[in-house]
C-alpha atoms as a PDB file:
ATOM      1  CA  UNK A   1     197.108  -4.986 -60.964  1.00  0.00           C
ATOM      2  CA  UNK A   2     200.547  -5.894 -59.598  1.00  0.00           C
ATOM      3  CA  UNK A   3     200.141  -9.471 -60.891  1.00  0.00           C
ATOM      4  CA  UNK A   4     199.365  -8.252 -64.415  1.00  0.00           C
ATOM      5  CA  UNK A   5     202.395  -5.954 -64.355  1.00  0.00           C
ATOM      6  CA  UNK A   6     204.700  -8.737 -63.192  1.00  0.00           C
ATOM      7  CA  UNK A   7     203.403 -11.111 -65.857  1.00  0.00           C
ATOM      8  CA  UNK A   8     203.791  -8.461 -68.572  1.00  0.00           C
ATOM      9  CA  UNK A   9     207.363  -7.748 -67.464  1.00  0.00           C
ATOM     10  CA  UNK A  10     208.217 -11.451 -67.547  1.00  0.00           C
ATOM     11  CA  UNK A  11     206.788 -11.817 -71.053  1.00  0.00           C
ATOM     12  CA  UNK A  12     208.821  -8.820 -72.197  1.00  0.00           C
ATOM     13  CA  UNK A  13     211.947 -10.392 -70.715  1.00  0.00           C
ATOM     14  CA  UNK A  14     211.235 -13.709 -72.432  1.00  0.00           C
ATOM     15  CA  UNK A  15     210.614 -11.956 -75.757  1.00  0.00           C
ATOM     16  CA  UNK A  16     213.908 -10.080 -75.409  1.00  0.00           C
ATOM     17  CA  UNK A  17     215.675 -13.376 -74.713  1.00  0.00           C
ATOM     18  CA  UNK A  18     214.054 -14.906 -77.792  1.00  0.00           C
ATOM     19  CA  UNK A  19     215.074 -11.997 -80.017  1.00  0.00           C
ATOM     20  CA  UNK A  20     218.597 -12.071 -78.568  1.00  0.00           C
ATOM     21  CA  UNK A  21     218.922 -15.779 -79.305  1.00  0.00           C
ATOM     22  CA  UNK A  22     217.682 -15.163 -82.832  1.00  0.00           C
ATOM     23  CA  UNK A  23     220.300 -12.450 -83.220  1.00  0.00           C
ATOM     24  CA  UNK A  24     223.032 -14.820 -81.992  1.00  0.00           C
ATOM     25  CA  UNK A  25     221.862 -17.601 -84.302  1.00  0.00           C
ATOM     26  CA  UNK A  26     221.882 -15.152 -87.194  1.00  0.00           C
ATOM     27  CA  UNK A  27     225.333 -13.910 -86.183  1.00  0.00           C
ATOM     28  CA  UNK A  28     226.527 -17.515 -86.155  1.00  0.00           C
ATOM     29  CA  UNK A  29     225.539 -17.791 -89.821  1.00  0.00           C
ATOM     30  CA  UNK A  30     226.281 -14.188 -90.778  1.00  0.00           C
ATOM     31  CA  UNK A  31     222.570 -13.218 -91.128  1.00  0.00           C
ATOM     32  CA  UNK A  32     221.561 -11.544 -87.851  1.00  0.00           C
ATOM     33  CA  UNK A  33     218.200 -10.066 -88.913  1.00  0.00           C
ATOM     34  CA  UNK A  34     217.121 -13.302 -90.554  1.00  0.00           C
ATOM     35  CA  UNK A  35     217.888 -15.150 -87.322  1.00  0.00           C
ATOM     36  CA  UNK A  36     215.748 -12.761 -85.262  1.00  0.00           C
ATOM     37  CA  UNK A  37     212.806 -12.999 -87.650  1.00  0.00           C
ATOM     38  CA  UNK A  38     213.126 -16.789 -87.814  1.00  0.00           C
ATOM     39  CA  UNK A  39     212.993 -17.125 -84.016  1.00  0.00           C
ATOM     40  CA  UNK A  40     209.935 -14.904 -83.688  1.00  0.00           C
ATOM     41  CA  UNK A  41     208.206 -16.783 -86.524  1.00  0.00           C
ATOM     42  CA  UNK A  42     208.974 -20.108 -84.856  1.00  0.00           C
ATOM     43  CA  UNK A  43     207.488 -18.890 -81.575  1.00  0.00           C
ATOM     44  CA  UNK A  44     204.341 -17.659 -83.347  1.00  0.00           C
ATOM     45  CA  UNK A  45     203.833 -21.009 -85.102  1.00  0.00           C
ATOM     46  CA  UNK A  46     204.246 -22.957 -81.859  1.00  0.00           C
ATOM     47  CA  UNK A  47     201.899 -20.627 -79.984  1.00  0.00           C
ATOM     48  CA  UNK A  48     199.181 -20.809 -82.645  1.00  0.00           C
ATOM     49  CA  UNK A  49     199.322 -24.600 -82.494  1.00  0.00           C
ATOM     50  CA  UNK A  50     199.227 -24.576 -78.685  1.00  0.00           C
ATOM     51  CA  UNK A  51     196.357 -22.054 -78.680  1.00  0.00           C
ATOM     52  CA  UNK A  52     194.060 -24.281 -80.717  1.00  0.00           C
ATOM     53  CA  UNK A  53     195.087 -27.762 -79.564  1.00  0.00           C
ATOM     54  CA  UNK A  54     196.344 -27.439 -75.967  1.00  0.00           C
ATOM     55  CA  UNK A  55     192.966 -28.326 -74.419  1.00  0.00           C
ATOM     56  CA  UNK A  56     192.550 -31.536 -76.381  1.00  0.00           C
ATOM     57  CA  UNK A  57     196.157 -32.539 -75.723  1.00  0.00           C
ATOM     58  CA  UNK A  58     195.878 -31.904 -71.967  1.00  0.00           C
ATOM     59  CA  UNK A  59     192.667 -33.916 -71.639  1.00  0.00           C
ATOM     60  CA  UNK A  60     194.044 -36.840 -73.616  1.00  0.00           C
ATOM     61  CA  UNK A  61     197.427 -36.899 -71.853  1.00  0.00           C
ATOM     62  CA  UNK A  62     195.811 -36.995 -68.407  1.00  0.00           C
ATOM     63  CA  UNK A  63     193.215 -39.645 -69.274  1.00  0.00           C
ATOM     64  CA  UNK A  64     190.274 -37.306 -68.788  1.00  0.00           C
ATOM     65  CA  UNK A  65     186.706 -38.248 -69.651  1.00  0.00           C
ATOM     66  CA  UNK A  66     184.155 -35.473 -70.127  1.00  0.00           C
ATOM     67  CA  UNK A  67     181.184 -36.415 -67.957  1.00  0.00           C
ATOM     68  CA  UNK A  68     177.499 -35.531 -67.809  1.00  0.00           C
ATOM     69  CA  UNK A  69     175.584 -34.118 -64.855  1.00  0.00           C
ATOM     70  CA  UNK A  70     173.866 -37.467 -64.374  1.00  0.00           C
ATOM     71  CA  UNK A  71     177.238 -39.171 -63.991  1.00  0.00           C
ATOM     72  CA  UNK A  72     178.791 -36.661 -61.557  1.00  0.00           C
ATOM     73  CA  UNK A  73     175.966 -34.616 -59.954  1.00  0.00           C
ATOM     74  CA  UNK A  74     178.049 -33.425 -56.971  1.00  0.00           C
ATOM     75  CA  UNK A  75     180.930 -32.142 -59.087  1.00  0.00           C
ATOM     76  CA  UNK A  76     178.555 -30.585 -61.630  1.00  0.00           C
ATOM     77  CA  UNK A  77     176.632 -28.730 -58.911  1.00  0.00           C
ATOM     78  CA  UNK A  78     179.823 -27.265 -57.447  1.00  0.00           C
ATOM     79  CA  UNK A  79     181.225 -26.229 -60.835  1.00  0.00           C
ATOM     80  CA  UNK A  80     177.914 -24.579 -61.778  1.00  0.00           C
ATOM     81  CA  UNK A  81     177.692 -22.754 -58.431  1.00  0.00           C
ATOM     82  CA  UNK A  82     181.243 -21.394 -58.656  1.00  0.00           C
ATOM     83  CA  UNK A  83     180.904 -20.460 -62.346  1.00  0.00           C
ATOM     84  CA  UNK A  84     177.802 -18.406 -61.579  1.00  0.00           C
ATOM     85  CA  UNK A  85     179.543 -16.661 -58.687  1.00  0.00           C
ATOM     86  CA  UNK A  86     182.567 -15.902 -60.868  1.00  0.00           C
ATOM     87  CA  UNK A  87     180.462 -14.736 -63.813  1.00  0.00           C
ATOM     88  CA  UNK A  88     181.940 -17.122 -66.374  1.00  0.00           C
ATOM     89  CA  UNK A  89     180.201 -19.586 -68.723  1.00  0.00           C
ATOM     90  CA  UNK A  90     179.724 -23.117 -67.426  1.00  0.00           C
ATOM     91  CA  UNK A  91     182.838 -25.039 -68.536  1.00  0.00           C
ATOM     92  CA  UNK A  92     182.951 -28.671 -69.566  1.00  0.00           C
ATOM     93  CA  UNK A  93     183.386 -30.986 -66.596  1.00  0.00           C
ATOM     94  CA  UNK A  94     185.874 -33.827 -66.732  1.00  0.00           C
ATOM     95  CA  UNK A  95     187.070 -36.597 -64.447  1.00  0.00           C
ATOM     96  CA  UNK A  96     190.469 -38.250 -64.526  1.00  0.00           C
ATOM     97  CA  UNK A  97     190.617 -41.717 -63.025  1.00  0.00           C
ATOM     98  CA  UNK A  98     194.005 -40.953 -61.464  1.00  0.00           C
ATOM     99  CA  UNK A  99     194.096 -41.891 -57.779  1.00  0.00           C
ATOM    100  CA  UNK A 100     196.081 -38.833 -56.704  1.00  0.00           C
ATOM    101  CA  UNK A 101     193.931 -35.954 -55.382  1.00  0.00           C
ATOM    102  CA  UNK A 102     194.309 -33.091 -57.844  1.00  0.00           C
ATOM    103  CA  UNK A 103     192.497 -30.823 -60.303  1.00  0.00           C
ATOM    104  CA  UNK A 104     193.219 -28.579 -63.272  1.00  0.00           C
ATOM    105  CA  UNK A 105     191.580 -26.306 -65.823  1.00  0.00           C
ATOM    106  CA  UNK A 106     192.343 -26.036 -69.507  1.00  0.00           C
ATOM    107  CA  UNK A 107     191.066 -24.183 -72.574  1.00  0.00           C
ATOM    108  CA  UNK A 108     192.078 -21.087 -74.505  1.00  0.00           C
ATOM    109  CA  UNK A 109     189.263 -18.855 -73.180  1.00  0.00           C
ATOM    110  CA  UNK A 110     186.217 -18.965 -70.850  1.00  0.00           C
ATOM    111  CA  UNK A 111     183.966 -20.192 -73.678  1.00  0.00           C
ATOM    112  CA  UNK A 112     186.317 -23.066 -74.533  1.00  0.00           C
ATOM    113  CA  UNK A 113     187.269 -24.293 -71.069  1.00  0.00           C
ATOM    114  CA  UNK A 114     187.140 -27.496 -69.079  1.00  0.00           C
ATOM    115  CA  UNK A 115     187.541 -28.134 -65.355  1.00  0.00           C
ATOM    116  CA  UNK A 116     188.924 -31.521 -64.372  1.00  0.00           C
ATOM    117  CA  UNK A 117     188.958 -33.305 -61.015  1.00  0.00           C
ATOM    118  CA  UNK A 118     190.646 -36.613 -60.308  1.00  0.00           C
ATOM    119  CA  UNK A 119     188.853 -39.535 -58.759  1.00  0.00           C
ATOM    120  CA  UNK A 120     191.203 -39.153 -55.812  1.00  0.00           C
ATOM    121  CA  UNK A 121     190.194 -35.578 -55.001  1.00  0.00           C
ATOM    122  CA  UNK A 122     186.479 -36.339 -55.287  1.00  0.00           C
ATOM    123  CA  UNK A 123     186.828 -38.977 -52.602  1.00  0.00           C
ATOM    124  CA  UNK A 124     189.093 -36.925 -50.343  1.00  0.00           C
ATOM    125  CA  UNK A 125     187.595 -33.452 -49.961  1.00  0.00           C
ATOM    126  CA  UNK A 126     184.457 -32.155 -48.282  1.00  0.00           C
ATOM    127  CA  UNK A 127     182.082 -30.015 -50.335  1.00  0.00           C
ATOM    128  CA  UNK A 128     183.392 -26.648 -49.122  1.00  0.00           C
ATOM    129  CA  UNK A 129     186.987 -27.744 -49.735  1.00  0.00           C
ATOM    130  CA  UNK A 130     186.186 -29.027 -53.223  1.00  0.00           C
ATOM    131  CA  UNK A 131     184.364 -25.762 -53.901  1.00  0.00           C
ATOM    132  CA  UNK A 132     187.550 -23.888 -52.993  1.00  0.00           C
ATOM    133  CA  UNK A 133     189.589 -26.011 -55.399  1.00  0.00           C
ATOM    134  CA  UNK A 134     187.083 -25.524 -58.220  1.00  0.00           C
ATOM    135  CA  UNK A 135     187.070 -21.772 -57.536  1.00  0.00           C
ATOM    136  CA  UNK A 136     190.867 -21.786 -57.899  1.00  0.00           C
ATOM    137  CA  UNK A 137     190.521 -23.477 -61.294  1.00  0.00           C
ATOM    138  CA  UNK A 138     187.672 -21.201 -62.396  1.00  0.00           C
ATOM    139  CA  UNK A 139     189.918 -18.251 -61.493  1.00  0.00           C
ATOM    140  CA  UNK A 140     192.543 -19.599 -63.892  1.00  0.00           C
ATOM    141  CA  UNK A 141     189.858 -19.610 -66.586  1.00  0.00           C
ATOM    142  CA  UNK A 142     188.564 -16.137 -65.735  1.00  0.00           C
ATOM    143  CA  UNK A 143     192.084 -14.668 -65.641  1.00  0.00           C
ATOM    144  CA  UNK A 144     192.982 -16.470 -68.901  1.00  0.00           C
ATOM    145  CA  UNK A 145     195.939 -18.067 -67.158  1.00  0.00           C
ATOM    146  CA  UNK A 146     195.821 -21.125 -69.393  1.00  0.00           C
ATOM    147  CA  UNK A 147     196.550 -18.980 -72.435  1.00  0.00           C
ATOM    148  CA  UNK A 148     199.278 -17.089 -70.551  1.00  0.00           C
ATOM    149  CA  UNK A 149     200.966 -20.283 -69.395  1.00  0.00           C
ATOM    150  CA  UNK A 150     200.624 -21.923 -72.804  1.00  0.00           C
ATOM    151  CA  UNK A 151     202.495 -19.048 -74.418  1.00  0.00           C
ATOM    152  CA  UNK A 152     205.125 -19.013 -71.655  1.00  0.00           C
ATOM    153  CA  UNK A 153     205.646 -22.780 -71.838  1.00  0.00           C
ATOM    154  CA  UNK A 154     205.913 -22.717 -75.619  1.00  0.00           C
ATOM    155  CA  UNK A 155     208.473 -19.923 -75.621  1.00  0.00           C
ATOM    156  CA  UNK A 156     210.477 -21.692 -72.917  1.00  0.00           C
ATOM    157  CA  UNK A 157     210.397 -24.916 -74.944  1.00  0.00           C
ATOM    158  CA  UNK A 158     211.605 -23.099 -78.066  1.00  0.00           C
ATOM    159  CA  UNK A 159     214.458 -21.480 -76.142  1.00  0.00           C
ATOM    160  CA  UNK A 160     215.440 -24.775 -74.518  1.00  0.00           C
ATOM    161  CA  UNK A 161     215.552 -26.373 -77.953  1.00  0.00           C
ATOM    162  CA  UNK A 162     217.749 -23.552 -79.207  1.00  0.00           C
ATOM    163  CA  UNK A 163     220.056 -24.060 -76.240  1.00  0.00           C
ATOM    164  CA  UNK A 164     220.543 -27.707 -77.189  1.00  0.00           C
ATOM    165  CA  UNK A 165     221.053 -26.682 -80.803  1.00  0.00           C
ATOM    166  CA  UNK A 166     223.727 -24.159 -79.779  1.00  0.00           C
ATOM    167  CA  UNK A 167     225.538 -26.854 -77.799  1.00  0.00           C
ATOM    168  CA  UNK A 168     225.473 -29.164 -80.815  1.00  0.00           C
ATOM    169  CA  UNK A 169     226.677 -26.401 -83.170  1.00  0.00           C
ATOM    170  CA  UNK A 170     229.573 -25.572 -80.851  1.00  0.00           C
ATOM    171  CA  UNK A 171     231.191 -28.893 -81.674  1.00  0.00           C
ATOM    172  CA  UNK A 172     229.929 -29.685 -85.170  1.00  0.00           C
ATOM    173  CA  UNK A 173     229.998 -26.358 -87.041  1.00  0.00           C
ATOM    174  CA  UNK A 174     232.189 -26.383 -90.124  1.00  0.00           C
ATOM    175  CA  UNK A 175     233.442 -22.841 -89.642  1.00  0.00           C
ATOM    176  CA  UNK A 176     233.775 -22.797 -85.891  1.00  0.00           C
ATOM    177  CA  UNK A 177     236.451 -20.789 -84.102  1.00  0.00           C
ATOM    178  CA  UNK A 178     237.296 -20.884 -80.423  1.00  0.00           C
ATOM    179  CA  UNK A 179     235.363 -17.624 -80.017  1.00  0.00           C
ATOM    180  CA  UNK A 180     232.242 -19.094 -81.612  1.00  0.00           C
ATOM    181  CA  UNK A 181     232.554 -22.255 -79.538  1.00  0.00           C
ATOM    182  CA  UNK A 182     232.694 -20.231 -76.307  1.00  0.00           C
ATOM    183  CA  UNK A 183     229.682 -18.106 -77.305  1.00  0.00           C
ATOM    184  CA  UNK A 184     227.671 -21.185 -78.315  1.00  0.00           C
ATOM    185  CA  UNK A 185     228.481 -22.936 -75.043  1.00  0.00           C
ATOM    186  CA  UNK A 186     227.478 -19.893 -72.988  1.00  0.00           C
ATOM    187  CA  UNK A 187     224.215 -19.597 -74.931  1.00  0.00           C
ATOM    188  CA  UNK A 188     223.469 -23.312 -74.601  1.00  0.00           C
ATOM    189  CA  UNK A 189     223.721 -23.114 -70.811  1.00  0.00           C
ATOM    190  CA  UNK A 190     222.349 -19.684 -69.892  1.00  0.00           C
ATOM    191  CA  UNK A 191     219.434 -19.236 -72.293  1.00  0.00           C
ATOM    192  CA  UNK A 192     217.421 -22.350 -71.332  1.00  0.00           C
ATOM    193  CA  UNK A 193     217.933 -21.634 -67.623  1.00  0.00           C
ATOM    194  CA  UNK A 194     216.848 -18.012 -68.055  1.00  0.00           C
ATOM    195  CA  UNK A 195     213.769 -19.084 -70.032  1.00  0.00           C
ATOM    196  CA  UNK A 196     212.778 -21.659 -67.424  1.00  0.00           C
ATOM    197  CA  UNK A 197     213.214 -19.175 -64.563  1.00  0.00           C
ATOM    198  CA  UNK A 198     211.011 -16.622 -66.316  1.00  0.00           C
ATOM    199  CA  UNK A 199     208.392 -19.292 -67.013  1.00  0.00           C
ATOM    200  CA  UNK A 200     208.464 -20.371 -63.370  1.00  0.00           C
ATOM    201  CA  UNK A 201     208.052 -16.775 -62.274  1.00  0.00           C
ATOM    202  CA  UNK A 202     204.938 -16.426 -64.416  1.00  0.00           C
ATOM    203  CA  UNK A 203     203.536 -19.791 -63.305  1.00  0.00           C
ATOM    204  CA  UNK A 204     204.031 -19.133 -59.591  1.00  0.00           C
ATOM    205  CA  UNK A 205     202.518 -15.665 -59.817  1.00  0.00           C
ATOM    206  CA  UNK A 206     199.432 -17.076 -61.516  1.00  0.00           C
ATOM    207  CA  UNK A 207     199.063 -19.758 -58.818  1.00  0.00           C
ATOM    208  CA  UNK A 208     199.142 -17.169 -56.040  1.00  0.00           C
ATOM    209  CA  UNK A 209     196.613 -15.059 -57.942  1.00  0.00           C
ATOM    210  CA  UNK A 210     194.283 -18.032 -58.521  1.00  0.00           C
ATOM    211  CA  UNK A 211     194.426 -18.915 -54.820  1.00  0.00           C
ATOM    212  CA  UNK A 212     193.477 -15.369 -53.856  1.00  0.00           C
ATOM    213  CA  UNK A 213     190.814 -14.965 -56.550  1.00  0.00           C
ATOM    214  CA  UNK A 214     189.288 -18.369 -55.823  1.00  0.00           C
ATOM    215  CA  UNK A 215     189.119 -17.654 -52.094  1.00  0.00           C
ATOM    216  CA  UNK A 216     187.362 -14.357 -52.772  1.00  0.00           C
ATOM    217  CA  UNK A 217     184.834 -16.061 -55.053  1.00  0.00           C
ATOM    218  CA  UNK A 218     183.791 -18.502 -52.326  1.00  0.00           C
ATOM    219  CA  UNK A 219     184.442 -16.137 -49.431  1.00  0.00           C
ATOM    220  CA  UNK A 220     186.130 -19.016 -47.598  1.00  0.00           C
ATOM    221  CA  UNK A 221     189.960 -18.958 -47.795  1.00  0.00           C
ATOM    222  CA  UNK A 222     190.269 -21.458 -44.943  1.00  0.00           C
ATOM    223  CA  UNK A 223     188.429 -24.157 -46.911  1.00  0.00           C
ATOM    224  CA  UNK A 224     190.904 -23.814 -49.785  1.00  0.00           C
ATOM    225  CA  UNK A 225     193.811 -23.854 -47.310  1.00  0.00           C
ATOM    226  CA  UNK A 226     192.507 -27.112 -45.797  1.00  0.00           C
ATOM    227  CA  UNK A 227     192.035 -28.548 -49.279  1.00  0.00           C
ATOM    228  CA  UNK A 228     195.604 -27.695 -50.299  1.00  0.00           C
ATOM    229  CA  UNK A 229     196.934 -29.318 -47.140  1.00  0.00           C
ATOM    230  CA  UNK A 230     194.971 -32.506 -47.834  1.00  0.00           C
ATOM    231  CA  UNK A 231     195.950 -32.520 -51.505  1.00  0.00           C
ATOM    232  CA  UNK A 232     199.618 -32.052 -50.674  1.00  0.00           C
ATOM    233  CA  UNK A 233     199.596 -35.118 -48.448  1.00  0.00           C
ATOM    234  CA  UNK A 234     197.728 -37.192 -51.017  1.00  0.00           C
ATOM    235  CA  UNK A 235     199.852 -36.167 -53.997  1.00  0.00           C
ATOM    236  CA  UNK A 236     203.066 -37.035 -52.176  1.00  0.00           C
ATOM    237  CA  UNK A 237     201.773 -40.418 -51.019  1.00  0.00           C
ATOM    238  CA  UNK A 238     203.607 -43.497 -52.375  1.00  0.00           C
ATOM    239  CA  UNK A 239     200.568 -44.396 -54.506  1.00  0.00           C
ATOM    240  CA  UNK A 240     201.054 -41.307 -56.656  1.00  0.00           C
ATOM    241  CA  UNK A 241     202.621 -42.546 -59.877  1.00  0.00           C
ATOM    242  CA  UNK A 242     202.181 -39.447 -62.040  1.00  0.00           C
ATOM    243  CA  UNK A 243     205.184 -38.804 -64.286  1.00  0.00           C
ATOM    244  CA  UNK A 244     203.946 -36.570 -67.131  1.00  0.00           C
ATOM    245  CA  UNK A 245     206.186 -33.531 -66.606  1.00  0.00           C
ATOM    246  CA  UNK A 246     204.782 -31.757 -69.681  1.00  0.00           C
ATOM    247  CA  UNK A 247     201.544 -30.980 -67.834  1.00  0.00           C
ATOM    248  CA  UNK A 248     202.666 -30.652 -64.212  1.00  0.00           C
ATOM    249  CA  UNK A 249     202.112 -26.870 -64.282  1.00  0.00           C
ATOM    250  CA  UNK A 250     198.382 -27.348 -64.999  1.00  0.00           C
ATOM    251  CA  UNK A 251     197.509 -29.023 -61.712  1.00  0.00           C
ATOM    252  CA  UNK A 252     196.544 -27.166 -58.532  1.00  0.00           C
ATOM    253  CA  UNK A 253     199.351 -29.054 -56.754  1.00  0.00           C
ATOM    254  CA  UNK A 254     202.522 -30.215 -58.473  1.00  0.00           C
ATOM    255  CA  UNK A 255     201.983 -33.963 -58.990  1.00  0.00           C
ATOM    256  CA  UNK A 256     205.725 -34.634 -59.241  1.00  0.00           C
ATOM    257  CA  UNK A 257     207.566 -35.152 -55.961  1.00  0.00           C
ATOM    258  CA  UNK A 258     209.631 -32.126 -54.906  1.00  0.00           C
ATOM    259  CA  UNK A 259     211.752 -33.772 -52.221  1.00  0.00           C
ATOM    260  CA  UNK A 260     214.851 -33.137 -54.309  1.00  0.00           C
ATOM    261  CA  UNK A 261     216.329 -29.645 -53.789  1.00  0.00           C
ATOM    262  CA  UNK A 262     216.612 -28.911 -57.510  1.00  0.00           C
ATOM    263  CA  UNK A 263     213.058 -30.052 -58.168  1.00  0.00           C
ATOM    264  CA  UNK A 264     211.884 -27.614 -55.499  1.00  0.00           C
ATOM    265  CA  UNK A 265     213.993 -24.856 -57.043  1.00  0.00           C
ATOM    266  CA  UNK A 266     212.548 -25.413 -60.515  1.00  0.00           C
ATOM    267  CA  UNK A 267     209.010 -26.368 -59.473  1.00  0.00           C
ATOM    268  CA  UNK A 268     206.207 -24.729 -61.447  1.00  0.00           C
ATOM    269  CA  UNK A 269     204.294 -24.199 -58.181  1.00  0.00           C
ATOM    270  CA  UNK A 270     205.103 -22.015 -55.175  1.00  0.00           C
ATOM    271  CA  UNK A 271     205.803 -23.816 -51.879  1.00  0.00           C
ATOM    272  CA  UNK A 272     202.555 -25.168 -50.462  1.00  0.00           C
ATOM    273  CA  UNK A 273     203.314 -23.770 -47.002  1.00  0.00           C
ATOM    274  CA  UNK A 274     203.551 -20.271 -48.504  1.00  0.00           C
ATOM    275  CA  UNK A 275     200.255 -20.675 -50.334  1.00  0.00           C
ATOM    276  CA  UNK A 276     198.478 -21.851 -47.192  1.00  0.00           C
ATOM    277  CA  UNK A 277     200.005 -19.031 -45.121  1.00  0.00           C
ATOM    278  CA  UNK A 278     198.812 -16.448 -47.658  1.00  0.00           C
ATOM    279  CA  UNK A 279     195.306 -17.894 -47.585  1.00  0.00           C
ATOM    280  CA  UNK A 280     195.222 -17.772 -43.788  1.00  0.00           C
ATOM    281  CA  UNK A 281     196.377 -14.140 -43.893  1.00  0.00           C
ATOM    282  CA  UNK A 282     193.602 -13.417 -46.395  1.00  0.00           C
ATOM    283  CA  UNK A 283     191.082 -15.149 -44.109  1.00  0.00           C
ATOM    284  CA  UNK A 284     192.167 -12.980 -41.183  1.00  0.00           C
ATOM    285  CA  UNK A 285     191.867  -9.870 -43.329  1.00  0.00           C
ATOM    286  CA  UNK A 286     188.384 -10.847 -44.523  1.00  0.00           C
ATOM    287  CA  UNK A 287     187.361 -11.575 -40.920  1.00  0.00           C
ATOM    288  CA  UNK A 288     188.518  -8.135 -39.805  1.00  0.00           C
ATOM    289  CA  UNK A 289     186.545  -6.502 -42.619  1.00  0.00           C
ATOM    290  CA  UNK A 290     183.396  -8.408 -41.657  1.00  0.00           C
ATOM    291  CA  UNK A 291     183.685  -7.866 -37.885  1.00  0.00           C
ATOM    292  CA  UNK A 292     182.519  -4.213 -37.639  1.00  0.00           C
ATOM    293  CA  UNK A 293     179.353  -5.026 -39.564  1.00  0.00           C
ATOM    294  CA  UNK A 294     178.635  -8.059 -37.415  1.00  0.00           C
ATOM    295  CA  UNK A 295     179.265  -6.396 -34.023  1.00  0.00           C
ATOM    296  CA  UNK A 296     177.915  -2.897 -34.704  1.00  0.00           C
ATOM    297  CA  UNK A 297     174.382  -2.712 -36.187  1.00  0.00           C
ATOM    298  CA  UNK A 298     175.014   0.889 -37.235  1.00  0.00           C
ATOM    299  CA  UNK A 299     177.647   2.163 -39.592  1.00  0.00           C
ATOM    300  CA  UNK A 300     179.543   5.258 -38.517  1.00  0.00           C
ATOM    301  CA  UNK A 301     177.372   7.332 -40.827  1.00  0.00           C
ATOM    302  CA  UNK A 302     174.076   5.942 -39.471  1.00  0.00           C
ATOM    303  CA  UNK A 303     174.817   6.028 -35.738  1.00  0.00           C
ATOM    304  CA  UNK A 304     172.112   7.919 -33.824  1.00  0.00           C
ATOM    305  CA  UNK A 305     174.634  10.041 -31.890  1.00  0.00           C
END
């Protein structure tokens, strides 16, 4: 429940930022209410478009080919197994010919979803590790994270655009005063940063949740931890030439190098070491919950003394 509360709070914050920017834009032109309504309308239009076309765009941008069971029997079997465990419809299965080991899910709801694995990850991971990765992606589908992140990304993009617009208006407006210039400059700098930080907060929360949910689906957190460690090394290898920043948040591991401090700060993914540590803690917790049943054939209630 705590994850849902955090996500809801972040969406409320982003909506408040959007309304505030609309108010400032309206104030700039002397029509505050019109500005607020215009900003909300713009966000709705962008979100409707993203809702219906984000899946197709993501598949095309990442060179994904939807495959049949005959073409990829191993991947199909794992996706089917995890889907049944998670209680979601069987999604479409896709393969990207990218060499980097990675995976993502896309689609607006469980009935319109696709799970994608790269050629690199299929050759790198063992079956139990790949199952952990697929369970992570199925968790995104089950939790409707793709829809959540689509809305968050769209709102952040709108606010970033408005920030650039405010910067432009600060120096080109016909009726500008020093006061208006200062306000426009402040808005142009602070609003996009605030929007990005809120988006990152949502994205990182959903990644932690998908790790936990996926590990519980398979019952094997350690396999996912090993997979993440292997993926991290493969993604950061020199052969990784991925540069499509528009879709970096989709992947299980950020495909863009985070060696730079600012890239780490604004990464859509939590630090890999933290994710692995959380999974190992979860594994220890699950082990402790299993141990009494394995070592004591009688529950406390059924003991014969």
